[in-house]
C-alpha cells in the first residue's frame, strides 16, 4: 500500500522544467471481472519539496520586470504559465495516452466519453485567461522557492489554508506554524496565508516563505497595527513601509482592504454582527478617529506601483463581509463590492493581477446572486471566498457549514476557496484542525469542479467507481483524498488475510452486497 502511494514521476514543461506528480498505480482487474490492466492516475505533488529544506529555487526575473499580466497581454507564454498548464492538464493527457495503447474495449467505452468532454489546457489557455484578467498567477519575483499555479474559473478550484499565530498564545507557539504549513500543503493546500498577529510577525513570515513551495499571502494591515501599537498611530507611510518589506521577503499576494469607504461604515450600524473582518474593523476605527477617507483607497495607485514592481497579486479584501447570514447581501457588503470592481479596473492600468474576496456568512439561496454580482461588477476577476458559511449554528463543525457554501459558490464560478476549520469562531486552529478543514474543502472544491465540467475532475470519480465496483480495495484507498484514513476505517471492521480480496464490506456482508448482486444479474 505505502509503496503504491510513494510512486513519484516528473513531467517536463514546454520550457524544460520538471514538475512532480504522484502516480497512482492501479492494480489489474481480476479475471472474474474481465481481466484487464487499469490506467495510472496523476496528481500534482508539490508537497514532495517539503522533504528537501532548503527548498530548490526556480529561476525568477528581477523585481521591475514585466508582470505575468504584462507578458500575457503581449502574447508571451511565460515559463510559469507553461508550468501551471501542465499541472492542470496532466491527468487528462496521460489518461488519453494510456487509452490509446489500451486494447480493452469496455475500459475505453467507459472513459473515452469523459475524456472527449475535457477541454484542452495548455500554456496558451493560461496566457489568454490571465490576459483577460479572468485568472491570476500569484508569484512574487522574490519567492523562487514557490511553484507556479493558476487561479481562475477555467481551471481547477484552488484552496487556500490560513495559518498564523495570535498574541493570545504562548511565545513559543510560533514553531507550530511550520508544522501547520506542512500539514496544509501535505493535505492539498494550493496557497497558504500567514495571518499572524502579535510579536515576531516578520520572523515567522520569513520562515514560512522560505519553507513554502506554494504561494504565500498576507494581510499587511496586521503588521501595521502591531508596529503602530494603536489604531490612531497608523499612517499611509507606515503601511507603505510594511508592504515594501513584505514584498522584499517574497509575499506572493496581499489582502488590501481598499474598498471600505467612510460612507460604507454607517451601513453596518443595524447589523446583527457588525464588522467581523479584522482589516475592515481596523480601518473603520481609523476613519472614525481621523474623520478621513480610507488611506488605502486614497493611495491605491501607490499600492499598485509596489505590487507591479514585485508582481504581487492583490486580493481586494471584503472588509465588510457579513458575519451572520442575517447580514448577508446587505447594502454594506454590496457597496464595498462595487468599489472593489472600480479598484480592479484601476489595477488593470498598472498590469497588476487582482482577485476579489467574497462573503463570509450568507444564505445558501443567495450564493448564485453573489457570484453573479461579483462577475458583473468586477469584470470576471477571480472570486476568492471564505466559505461562505450557510448557517450560524455550526460552532465546532463550521468546516462543514462552510464547505457546503464553498462547493455551491465554486460551482457558480468562484475560483479559490479559503478553508474554514472546526475551530472557526472558537479559537486558533492547530495542525489537526488544519487537516480537518483541508479535507472538507478538498471535497467541496472537487464536487464543484465535477459540476462545472473542469477538465479531468470527473475522471478521478470514474476510476474510483470502477475500482469500487470491482472490489479493488487498495485502488480505492489510493484514489481516496485520504488514503490512510480510508484503509484504517475499512480495517477497523474487516481485517485479516483475505480482507483485501473480499468482494464485500462489513456494511452488507457477502450475502447482501448490492453491487455483487447487480453484477450477477448480467453474468
Protein backbone atom coordinates (compact mmCIF):
# COMPACT_ATOMS: atom_id res chain seq x y z
CA UNK A 1 0.00 0.00 0.00
CA UNK A 2 2.62 2.55 1.06
CA UNK A 3 4.87 1.57 -1.84
CA UNK A 4 1.99 2.27 -4.23
CA UNK A 5 1.41 5.76 -2.83
CA UNK A 6 5.08 6.67 -2.83
CA UNK A 7 5.44 6.49 -6.62
CA UNK A 8 6.64 9.84 -7.90
CA UNK A 9 7.04 10.88 -11.50
CA UNK A 10 8.25 14.09 -13.13
CA UNK A 11 6.90 15.54 -16.36
CA UNK A 12 8.60 18.28 -18.33
CA UNK A 13 7.03 21.57 -19.39
CA UNK A 14 7.47 23.21 -22.79
CA UNK A 15 10.31 25.22 -21.20
CA UNK A 16 12.13 22.13 -19.96
CA UNK A 17 11.12 22.49 -16.31
CA UNK A 18 10.33 19.34 -14.33
CA UNK A 19 7.01 19.13 -12.45
CA UNK A 20 6.42 16.45 -9.77
CA UNK A 21 3.30 14.28 -9.76
CA UNK A 22 2.06 11.50 -7.55
CA UNK A 23 1.43 8.46 -9.73
CA UNK A 24 -1.40 6.26 -8.53
CA UNK A 25 -0.68 2.80 -9.92
CA UNK A 26 -3.87 0.78 -10.10
CA UNK A 27 -3.90 -2.99 -9.81
CA UNK A 28 -5.16 -5.26 -12.58
CA UNK A 29 -8.81 -6.19 -12.71
CA UNK A 30 -9.39 -9.77 -11.54
CA UNK A 31 -10.24 -12.47 -14.08
CA UNK A 32 -13.74 -12.82 -12.66
CA UNK A 33 -14.38 -9.14 -13.54
CA UNK A 34 -12.84 -9.16 -17.02
CA UNK A 35 -9.05 -9.37 -16.53
CA UNK A 36 -7.57 -6.07 -17.73
CA UNK A 37 -4.83 -3.63 -16.88
CA UNK A 38 -6.03 -0.35 -15.38
CA UNK A 39 -4.55 3.07 -16.11
CA UNK A 40 -2.37 5.10 -13.79
CA UNK A 41 -3.67 8.42 -12.49
CA UNK A 42 -1.56 11.52 -11.85
CA UNK A 43 -1.98 14.27 -9.24
CA UNK A 44 0.36 17.30 -8.85
CA UNK A 45 2.53 16.78 -5.78
CA UNK A 46 4.38 19.88 -4.66
CA UNK A 47 4.40 18.53 -1.11
CA UNK A 48 7.40 16.44 -2.17
CA UNK A 49 9.55 19.59 -1.90
CA UNK A 50 8.85 19.82 1.83
CA UNK A 51 11.29 16.97 2.40
CA UNK A 52 14.24 18.92 0.97
CA UNK A 53 14.95 22.03 3.01
CA UNK A 54 16.27 24.45 1.92
CA UNK A 55 13.88 24.29 -0.99
CA UNK A 56 15.11 24.10 -4.56
CA UNK A 57 14.81 27.54 -6.14
CA UNK A 58 13.39 28.31 -9.56
CA UNK A 59 14.95 30.96 -11.76
CA UNK A 60 12.92 34.17 -11.44
CA UNK A 61 13.16 37.59 -13.13
CA UNK A 62 14.38 40.56 -11.10
CA UNK A 63 11.88 42.94 -9.48
CA UNK A 64 10.78 45.55 -12.00
CA UNK A 65 10.48 43.01 -14.81
CA UNK A 66 7.16 42.69 -16.69
CA UNK A 67 4.43 41.08 -14.62
CA UNK A 68 2.66 37.89 -15.67
CA UNK A 69 -0.25 40.07 -16.78
CA UNK A 70 2.00 42.32 -18.87
CA UNK A 71 3.58 39.29 -20.55
CA UNK A 72 0.21 37.71 -21.22
CA UNK A 73 -1.09 40.90 -22.82
CA UNK A 74 1.94 40.97 -25.13
CA UNK A 75 1.18 37.41 -26.22
CA UNK A 76 4.12 35.84 -24.38
CA UNK A 77 3.69 32.48 -22.66
CA UNK A 78 5.98 32.54 -19.63
CA UNK A 79 7.69 29.53 -18.06
CA UNK A 80 5.26 29.93 -15.16
CA UNK A 81 2.25 29.73 -17.49
CA UNK A 82 3.59 26.53 -19.06
CA UNK A 83 4.19 25.09 -15.59
CA UNK A 84 0.67 25.91 -14.38
CA UNK A 85 -0.84 24.49 -17.57
CA UNK A 86 0.92 21.17 -17.09
CA UNK A 87 -0.43 20.92 -13.54
CA UNK A 88 -3.96 21.46 -14.87
CA UNK A 89 -3.75 19.06 -17.82
CA UNK A 90 -1.57 16.09 -16.91
CA UNK A 91 -4.34 13.80 -15.62
CA UNK A 92 -6.26 14.11 -18.89
CA UNK A 93 -3.30 13.92 -21.27
CA UNK A 94 -1.73 10.90 -19.57
CA UNK A 95 -5.01 9.00 -19.42
CA UNK A 96 -5.56 9.67 -23.13
CA UNK A 97 -2.10 8.29 -23.92
CA UNK A 98 -2.76 5.17 -21.87
CA UNK A 99 -6.13 4.55 -23.52
CA UNK A 100 -4.58 4.95 -26.97
CA UNK A 101 -2.37 1.97 -26.10
CA UNK A 102 -5.21 0.04 -24.48
CA UNK A 103 -6.99 -2.79 -26.29
CA UNK A 104 -9.78 -3.24 -23.75
CA UNK A 105 -12.99 -2.02 -25.38
CA UNK A 106 -15.03 -1.87 -22.15
CA UNK A 107 -12.50 0.40 -20.45
CA UNK A 108 -12.44 2.70 -23.47
CA UNK A 109 -16.22 2.76 -23.65
CA UNK A 110 -16.41 3.99 -20.07
CA UNK A 111 -13.62 6.56 -20.09
CA UNK A 112 -13.40 7.97 -23.62
CA UNK A 113 -16.74 9.84 -23.46
CA UNK A 114 -15.50 11.61 -20.32
CA UNK A 115 -12.12 12.39 -21.87
CA UNK A 116 -13.71 13.73 -25.04
CA UNK A 117 -15.63 16.29 -22.99
CA UNK A 118 -12.45 17.65 -21.40
CA UNK A 119 -11.17 20.98 -22.70
CA UNK A 120 -7.53 21.01 -23.71
CA UNK A 121 -5.46 23.19 -21.39
CA UNK A 122 -2.02 24.40 -22.45
CA UNK A 123 0.20 27.40 -21.95
CA UNK A 124 -1.84 29.43 -24.42
CA UNK A 125 -5.02 28.70 -22.44
CA UNK A 126 -3.38 30.05 -19.29
CA UNK A 127 -2.00 33.08 -21.12
CA UNK A 128 -5.39 34.01 -22.58
CA UNK A 129 -7.14 33.74 -19.22
CA UNK A 130 -4.51 35.88 -17.49
CA UNK A 131 -4.57 38.44 -20.31
CA UNK A 132 -8.35 38.70 -19.98
CA UNK A 133 -7.89 39.13 -16.20
CA UNK A 134 -10.17 36.16 -15.57
CA UNK A 135 -7.22 34.34 -13.99
CA UNK A 136 -4.16 35.16 -11.90
CA UNK A 137 -0.79 33.51 -11.38
CA UNK A 138 0.38 34.78 -7.96
CA UNK A 139 4.17 34.57 -7.75
CA UNK A 140 6.45 37.29 -6.38
CA UNK A 141 9.73 37.69 -8.25
CA UNK A 142 11.43 37.18 -4.87
CA UNK A 143 9.80 33.86 -3.94
CA UNK A 144 11.86 31.42 -6.05
CA UNK A 145 11.01 28.52 -3.74
CA UNK A 146 7.35 28.60 -4.86
CA UNK A 147 5.96 26.65 -7.80
CA UNK A 148 3.52 28.34 -10.20
CA UNK A 149 -0.22 27.74 -10.11
CA UNK A 150 -3.14 29.48 -11.81
CA UNK A 151 -6.39 30.65 -10.21
CA UNK A 152 -9.43 31.17 -12.44
CA UNK A 153 -12.81 29.69 -13.28
CA UNK A 154 -11.41 27.92 -16.37
CA UNK A 155 -9.21 25.83 -14.07
CA UNK A 156 -9.47 23.54 -11.08
CA UNK A 157 -10.87 25.22 -7.97
CA UNK A 158 -7.99 26.15 -5.68
CA UNK A 159 -7.91 26.05 -1.87
CA UNK A 160 -6.17 28.44 0.49
CA UNK A 161 -5.30 27.48 4.05
CA UNK A 162 -4.93 30.18 6.70
CA UNK A 163 -2.29 29.74 9.38
CA UNK A 164 -0.72 32.17 11.84
CA UNK A 165 -0.01 32.87 15.47
CA UNK A 166 -2.04 35.02 17.82
CA UNK A 167 -0.88 37.39 20.54
CA UNK A 168 -3.18 35.42 22.85
CA UNK A 169 -1.00 32.29 22.74
CA UNK A 170 2.38 31.44 24.27
CA UNK A 171 5.51 32.85 22.65
CA UNK A 172 6.97 29.51 21.53
CA UNK A 173 3.80 28.66 19.58
CA UNK A 174 5.36 30.26 16.51
CA UNK A 175 7.21 26.97 15.89
CA UNK A 176 3.83 25.39 15.30
CA UNK A 177 3.33 27.49 12.16
CA UNK A 178 5.81 25.48 10.09
CA UNK A 179 4.03 22.34 11.27
CA UNK A 180 0.73 23.86 10.14
CA UNK A 181 2.26 24.90 6.82
CA UNK A 182 3.47 21.36 6.21
CA UNK A 183 0.12 19.91 7.27
CA UNK A 184 -1.76 22.24 4.94
CA UNK A 185 0.42 21.53 1.89
CA UNK A 186 0.53 17.78 2.54
CA UNK A 187 -3.26 17.85 2.60
CA UNK A 188 -3.65 19.73 -0.66
CA UNK A 189 -3.47 23.48 0.00
CA UNK A 190 -2.73 25.39 -3.20
CA UNK A 191 -1.81 28.58 -1.34
CA UNK A 192 -1.28 29.48 2.31
CA UNK A 193 -1.96 32.79 4.06
CA UNK A 194 0.07 33.80 7.10
CA UNK A 195 -2.33 35.77 9.29
CA UNK A 196 -0.02 36.05 12.30
CA UNK A 197 -0.56 38.85 14.78
CA UNK A 198 1.48 39.73 17.85
CA UNK A 199 5.25 39.57 18.19
CA UNK A 200 7.77 38.07 15.75
CA UNK A 201 5.49 38.56 12.72
CA UNK A 202 8.35 39.25 10.30
CA UNK A 203 10.45 36.33 11.53
CA UNK A 204 7.52 33.92 11.32
CA UNK A 205 6.69 35.09 7.80
CA UNK A 206 10.29 34.73 6.63
CA UNK A 207 10.40 31.13 7.88
CA UNK A 208 7.10 30.34 6.19
CA UNK A 209 8.07 31.86 2.82
CA UNK A 210 11.46 30.17 2.69
CA UNK A 211 9.81 26.85 3.60
CA UNK A 212 6.89 27.04 1.18
CA UNK A 213 6.67 25.57 -2.33
CA UNK A 214 3.23 27.19 -2.75
CA UNK A 215 2.33 30.90 -2.97
CA UNK A 216 2.07 32.77 0.33
CA UNK A 217 -0.42 35.54 1.09
CA UNK A 218 -0.60 38.08 3.91
CA UNK A 219 -2.72 40.93 5.24
CA UNK A 220 -0.16 43.76 5.70
CA UNK A 221 -2.54 45.73 7.94
CA UNK A 222 -1.98 43.22 10.76
CA UNK A 223 1.72 44.03 10.94
CA UNK A 224 0.98 47.74 10.52
CA UNK A 225 -1.17 47.71 13.66
CA UNK A 226 1.43 45.68 15.55
CA UNK A 227 4.09 48.30 14.75
CA UNK A 228 1.81 51.28 15.39
CA UNK A 229 0.57 49.78 18.69
CA UNK A 230 -2.61 51.84 18.39
CA UNK A 231 -5.04 52.43 15.52
CA UNK A 232 -4.65 56.20 15.92
CA UNK A 233 -0.93 55.88 15.07
CA UNK A 234 -1.49 54.07 11.77
CA UNK A 235 -0.46 56.07 8.69
CA UNK A 236 -0.02 55.60 4.97
CA UNK A 237 3.76 55.94 5.31
CA UNK A 238 3.86 53.09 7.83
CA UNK A 239 1.64 50.92 5.66
CA UNK A 240 3.79 51.55 2.57
CA UNK A 241 6.92 50.66 4.57
CA UNK A 242 5.41 47.37 5.79
CA UNK A 243 4.09 46.46 2.34
CA UNK A 244 7.52 47.12 0.83
CA UNK A 245 9.24 44.95 3.44
CA UNK A 246 6.79 42.09 2.93
CA UNK A 247 7.27 42.40 -0.82
CA UNK A 248 11.04 42.13 -0.35
CA UNK A 249 10.54 38.94 1.66
CA UNK A 250 8.66 37.39 -1.26
CA UNK A 251 4.96 37.55 -0.34
CA UNK A 252 3.03 36.47 -3.45
CA UNK A 253 -0.36 38.04 -2.80
CA UNK A 254 -1.69 40.55 -0.30
CA UNK A 255 -5.15 41.28 1.01
CA UNK A 256 -5.70 45.02 0.72
CA UNK A 257 -8.87 46.44 2.27
CA UNK A 258 -9.06 49.47 -0.01
CA UNK A 259 -12.75 49.09 -0.81
CA UNK A 260 -14.23 50.02 2.57
CA UNK A 261 -15.10 53.74 2.46
CA UNK A 262 -16.27 56.15 5.16
CA UNK A 263 -19.87 56.22 3.99
CA UNK A 264 -19.99 52.41 3.90
CA UNK A 265 -19.32 52.04 7.62
CA UNK A 266 -22.63 53.55 8.70
CA UNK A 267 -24.43 50.92 6.65
CA UNK A 268 -23.33 48.30 9.20
CA UNK A 269 -24.99 50.07 12.14
CA UNK A 270 -28.03 47.76 12.36
CA UNK A 271 -26.26 44.52 11.53
CA UNK A 272 -26.52 41.54 13.85
CA UNK A 273 -22.73 41.14 13.90
CA UNK A 274 -21.40 44.50 12.75
CA UNK A 275 -17.93 44.30 11.17
CA UNK A 276 -16.19 40.92 11.52
CA UNK A 277 -13.14 41.43 9.29
CA UNK A 278 -10.01 42.32 11.28
CA UNK A 279 -8.74 44.54 8.49
CA UNK A 280 -12.15 46.09 7.98
CA UNK A 281 -12.54 46.77 11.68
CA UNK A 282 -9.13 48.44 11.94
CA UNK A 283 -9.85 50.74 9.01
CA UNK A 284 -13.37 51.56 10.19
CA UNK A 285 -11.95 52.65 13.54
CA UNK A 286 -9.16 54.63 11.85
CA UNK A 287 -11.64 56.51 9.64
CA UNK A 288 -13.83 57.23 12.66
CA UNK A 289 -10.90 58.60 14.67
CA UNK A 290 -9.31 60.60 11.87
CA UNK A 291 -12.50 61.75 10.14
CA UNK A 292 -10.73 60.94 6.88
CA UNK A 293 -11.28 58.62 3.92
CA UNK A 294 -9.62 55.18 3.86
CA UNK A 295 -5.96 55.90 3.12
CA UNK A 296 -5.64 52.63 1.19
CA UNK A 297 -8.25 53.90 -1.25
CA UNK A 298 -6.61 57.32 -1.40
CA UNK A 299 -3.15 55.87 -2.07
CA UNK A 300 -4.25 52.94 -4.22
CA UNK A 301 -2.09 53.95 -7.19
CA UNK A 302 0.99 53.84 -4.96
CA UNK A 303 -0.05 50.38 -3.75
CA UNK A 304 -0.28 49.34 -7.39
CA UNK A 305 3.24 50.63 -8.06
CA UNK A 306 4.66 48.41 -5.32
CA UNK A 307 2.60 45.42 -6.47
CA UNK A 308 3.72 45.83 -10.09
CA UNK A 309 7.41 46.09 -9.15
CA UNK A 310 7.35 42.66 -7.43
CA UNK A 311 4.46 41.11 -9.42
CA UNK A 312 2.36 40.78 -6.28
CA UNK A 313 -1.24 39.80 -6.87
CA UNK A 314 -3.70 41.98 -4.96
CA UNK A 315 -6.52 40.21 -3.18
CA UNK A 316 -9.01 43.03 -2.73
CA UNK A 317 -10.38 42.41 0.74
CA UNK A 318 -14.00 42.34 1.80
CA UNK A 319 -13.69 44.37 4.99
CA UNK A 320 -17.48 44.49 5.29
CA UNK A 321 -18.17 40.82 4.70
CA UNK A 322 -21.19 39.61 6.70
CA UNK A 323 -20.58 37.67 9.90
CA UNK A 324 -24.17 36.42 10.11
CA UNK A 325 -26.44 35.04 7.43
CA UNK A 326 -28.92 37.70 8.59
CA UNK A 327 -26.43 40.36 7.46
CA UNK A 328 -25.69 38.63 4.16
CA UNK A 329 -26.01 40.51 0.86
CA UNK A 330 -26.82 43.76 2.68
CA UNK A 331 -26.15 47.30 1.50
CA UNK A 332 -22.73 47.48 3.19
CA UNK A 333 -21.42 44.28 1.64
CA UNK A 334 -22.63 45.16 -1.85
CA UNK A 335 -21.47 48.78 -1.73
CA UNK A 336 -17.95 47.59 -0.94
CA UNK A 337 -18.12 45.01 -3.73
CA UNK A 338 -18.92 47.74 -6.24
CA UNK A 339 -15.89 49.70 -5.03
CA UNK A 340 -13.73 46.60 -5.44
CA UNK A 341 -14.84 46.47 -9.06
CA UNK A 342 -13.64 50.05 -9.53
CA UNK A 343 -10.28 49.24 -7.92
CA UNK A 344 -9.91 46.15 -10.09
CA UNK A 345 -10.23 48.30 -13.20
CA UNK A 346 -7.63 50.73 -11.87
CA UNK A 347 -5.23 47.83 -11.29
CA UNK A 348 -5.62 46.83 -14.93
CA UNK A 349 -3.89 50.05 -15.99
CA UNK A 350 -0.83 49.02 -13.95
CA UNK A 351 -0.64 45.41 -15.22
CA UNK A 352 -1.33 44.21 -11.67
CA UNK A 353 -3.19 40.95 -11.16
CA UNK A 354 -6.28 41.02 -8.92
CA UNK A 355 -8.56 38.65 -7.04
CA UNK A 356 -11.79 39.73 -5.38
CA UNK A 357 -12.54 38.46 -1.88
CA UNK A 358 -16.07 37.32 -1.15
CA UNK A 359 -18.62 36.92 1.61
CA UNK A 360 -18.30 35.04 4.89
CA UNK A 361 -21.86 34.21 6.01
CA UNK A 362 -24.74 34.20 3.51
CA UNK A 363 -27.86 32.13 3.00
CA UNK A 364 -27.46 29.30 0.52
CA UNK A 365 -30.25 30.83 -1.56
CA UNK A 366 -28.12 33.98 -2.08
CA UNK A 367 -24.96 32.28 -3.30
CA UNK A 368 -25.71 32.35 -7.02
CA UNK A 369 -26.66 36.03 -6.84
CA UNK A 370 -23.40 36.89 -5.06
CA UNK A 371 -21.36 35.04 -7.68
CA UNK A 372 -23.21 36.83 -10.48
CA UNK A 373 -22.76 40.27 -8.92
CA UNK A 374 -19.02 39.72 -8.47
CA UNK A 375 -18.69 38.55 -12.06
CA UNK A 376 -20.67 41.56 -13.34
CA UNK A 377 -19.27 44.35 -11.17
CA UNK A 378 -15.69 43.06 -11.10
CA UNK A 379 -15.32 42.07 -14.75
CA UNK A 380 -14.98 38.34 -14.06
CA UNK A 381 -11.89 38.74 -11.87
CA UNK A 382 -11.20 35.54 -9.90
CA UNK A 383 -13.54 35.30 -6.91
CA UNK A 384 -11.86 34.18 -3.66
CA UNK A 385 -14.36 33.35 -0.94
CA UNK A 386 -14.27 32.50 2.76
CA UNK A 387 -16.70 29.61 2.67
CA UNK A 388 -19.29 31.07 2.61
CA UNK A 389 -20.87 29.65 5.75
CA UNK A 390 -24.54 28.95 5.07
CA UNK A 391 -25.75 28.93 8.68
CA UNK A 392 -24.57 30.32 12.00
CA UNK A 393 -25.17 27.42 14.40
CA UNK A 394 -22.28 25.16 13.39
CA UNK A 395 -19.71 26.03 16.08
CA UNK A 396 -17.28 23.12 16.23
CA UNK A 397 -18.43 21.99 12.78
CA UNK A 398 -18.05 25.18 10.78
CA UNK A 399 -15.72 23.43 8.34
CA UNK A 400 -18.91 21.64 7.26
CA UNK A 401 -21.21 24.70 7.17
CA UNK A 402 -18.52 26.48 5.14
CA UNK A 403 -17.81 23.56 2.80
CA UNK A 404 -21.49 23.44 1.82
CA UNK A 405 -21.43 27.08 0.77
CA UNK A 406 -17.96 26.78 -0.75
CA UNK A 407 -18.94 23.96 -3.07
CA UNK A 408 -22.05 25.84 -4.14
CA UNK A 409 -20.26 29.12 -4.89
CA UNK A 410 -17.38 27.37 -6.67
CA UNK A 411 -19.90 25.57 -8.87
CA UNK A 412 -21.17 29.06 -9.80
CA UNK A 413 -17.71 30.31 -10.71
CA UNK A 414 -15.65 31.14 -7.60
CA UNK A 415 -12.01 30.32 -8.35
CA UNK A 416 -10.41 29.89 -4.92
CA UNK A 417 -11.88 28.85 -1.59
CA UNK A 418 -10.45 29.90 1.75
CA UNK A 419 -10.83 26.90 4.00
CA UNK A 420 -12.53 27.02 7.39
CA UNK A 421 -11.51 24.76 10.28
CA UNK A 422 -13.61 23.26 13.10
CA UNK A 423 -12.14 25.96 15.38
CA UNK A 424 -13.73 28.84 13.41
CA UNK A 425 -15.34 31.31 15.85
CA UNK A 426 -13.87 29.36 18.78
CA UNK A 427 -10.10 29.72 18.77
CA UNK A 428 -6.77 29.42 16.98
CA UNK A 429 -6.63 26.19 14.91
CA UNK A 430 -3.91 23.61 15.47
CA UNK A 431 -2.47 21.18 12.93
CA UNK A 432 -5.30 18.68 13.47
CA UNK A 433 -7.84 21.41 12.71
CA UNK A 434 -5.90 22.31 9.57
CA UNK A 435 -6.16 18.69 8.41
CA UNK A 436 -9.91 18.55 9.05
CA UNK A 437 -10.52 21.86 7.31
CA UNK A 438 -8.49 20.85 4.27
CA UNK A 439 -10.35 17.54 3.93
CA UNK A 440 -13.73 19.27 3.93
CA UNK A 441 -12.64 21.87 1.40
CA UNK A 442 -10.92 19.45 -0.97
CA UNK A 443 -14.20 17.59 -1.20
CA UNK A 444 -16.08 20.87 -1.72
CA UNK A 445 -13.70 22.03 -4.45
CA UNK A 446 -13.73 18.71 -6.26
CA UNK A 447 -17.52 18.48 -6.18
CA UNK A 448 -17.69 21.95 -7.72
CA UNK A 449 -15.18 21.00 -10.41
CA UNK A 450 -17.29 17.98 -11.34
CA UNK A 451 -20.38 20.19 -11.51
CA UNK A 452 -18.60 22.75 -13.73
CA UNK A 453 -17.08 20.13 -16.02
CA UNK A 454 -13.49 21.13 -15.23
CA UNK A 455 -11.01 19.12 -17.27
CA UNK A 456 -10.21 15.80 -15.63
CA UNK A 457 -12.28 16.21 -12.47
CA UNK A 458 -14.82 13.52 -13.30
CA UNK A 459 -12.10 11.10 -14.41
CA UNK A 460 -10.99 10.71 -10.81
CA UNK A 461 -14.52 9.72 -9.78
CA UNK A 462 -14.82 7.37 -12.75
CA UNK A 463 -11.67 5.50 -11.77
CA UNK A 464 -12.85 5.27 -8.16
CA UNK A 465 -16.27 3.96 -9.23
CA UNK A 466 -14.69 1.28 -11.40
CA UNK A 467 -12.37 0.22 -8.58
CA UNK A 468 -15.31 0.13 -6.18
CA UNK A 469 -17.49 -2.00 -8.46
CA UNK A 470 -14.62 -4.46 -8.91
CA UNK A 471 -13.77 -4.55 -5.18
CA UNK A 472 -10.20 -3.37 -5.79
CA UNK A 473 -9.69 -2.19 -2.24
CA UNK A 474 -6.08 -1.00 -2.48
CA UNK A 475 -7.01 1.08 -5.53
CA UNK A 476 -9.95 2.58 -3.66
CA UNK A 477 -7.62 3.63 -0.85
CA UNK A 478 -5.10 5.11 -3.27
CA UNK A 479 -7.76 7.07 -5.16
CA UNK A 480 -9.24 8.49 -1.95
CA UNK A 481 -8.50 12.02 -0.78
CA UNK A 482 -7.14 10.48 2.43
CA UNK A 483 -5.78 7.00 1.60
CA UNK A 484 -4.55 6.23 5.11
CA UNK A 485 -7.90 7.09 6.67
CA UNK A 486 -9.83 5.05 4.11
CA UNK A 487 -7.66 1.99 4.74
CA UNK A 488 -7.82 2.44 8.50
CA UNK A 489 -11.61 2.66 8.55
CA UNK A 490 -12.04 -0.48 6.49
CA UNK A 491 -9.54 -2.41 8.60
CA UNK A 492 -11.45 -1.45 11.76
CA UNK A 493 -14.44 -3.51 10.62
CA UNK A 494 -12.95 -6.06 8.25
CA UNK A 495 -9.39 -7.27 8.52
CA UNK A 496 -7.35 -10.40 8.13
CA UNK A 497 -5.55 -12.18 5.33
CA UNK A 498 -8.48 -12.16 2.91
CA UNK A 499 -9.83 -8.69 3.60
CA UNK A 500 -8.22 -7.06 0.57
CA UNK A 501 -9.62 -9.72 -1.77
CA UNK A 502 -13.12 -9.80 -0.27
CA UNK A 503 -15.93 -8.86 -2.65
CA UNK A 504 -17.94 -7.13 0.05
CA UNK A 505 -17.58 -4.78 3.01
CA UNK A 506 -18.89 -5.11 6.57
CA UNK A 507 -21.95 -2.95 5.85
CA UNK A 508 -23.77 -5.59 3.80
CA UNK A 509 -21.60 -8.68 4.08
CA UNK A 510 -21.22 -11.32 1.33
CA UNK A 511 -24.91 -12.21 1.02
CA UNK A 512 -26.46 -8.76 0.70
CA UNK A 513 -23.90 -6.73 -1.28
CA UNK A 514 -25.99 -4.98 -3.96
CA UNK A 515 -23.02 -4.49 -6.28
CA UNK A 516 -22.30 -8.22 -6.21
CA UNK A 517 -25.97 -8.95 -6.85
CA UNK A 518 -26.09 -6.45 -9.73
CA UNK A 519 -23.01 -7.97 -11.31
CA UNK A 520 -24.53 -11.45 -11.10
CA UNK A 521 -27.60 -10.19 -12.97
CA UNK A 522 -25.55 -9.74 -16.12
CA UNK A 523 -23.33 -12.75 -15.76
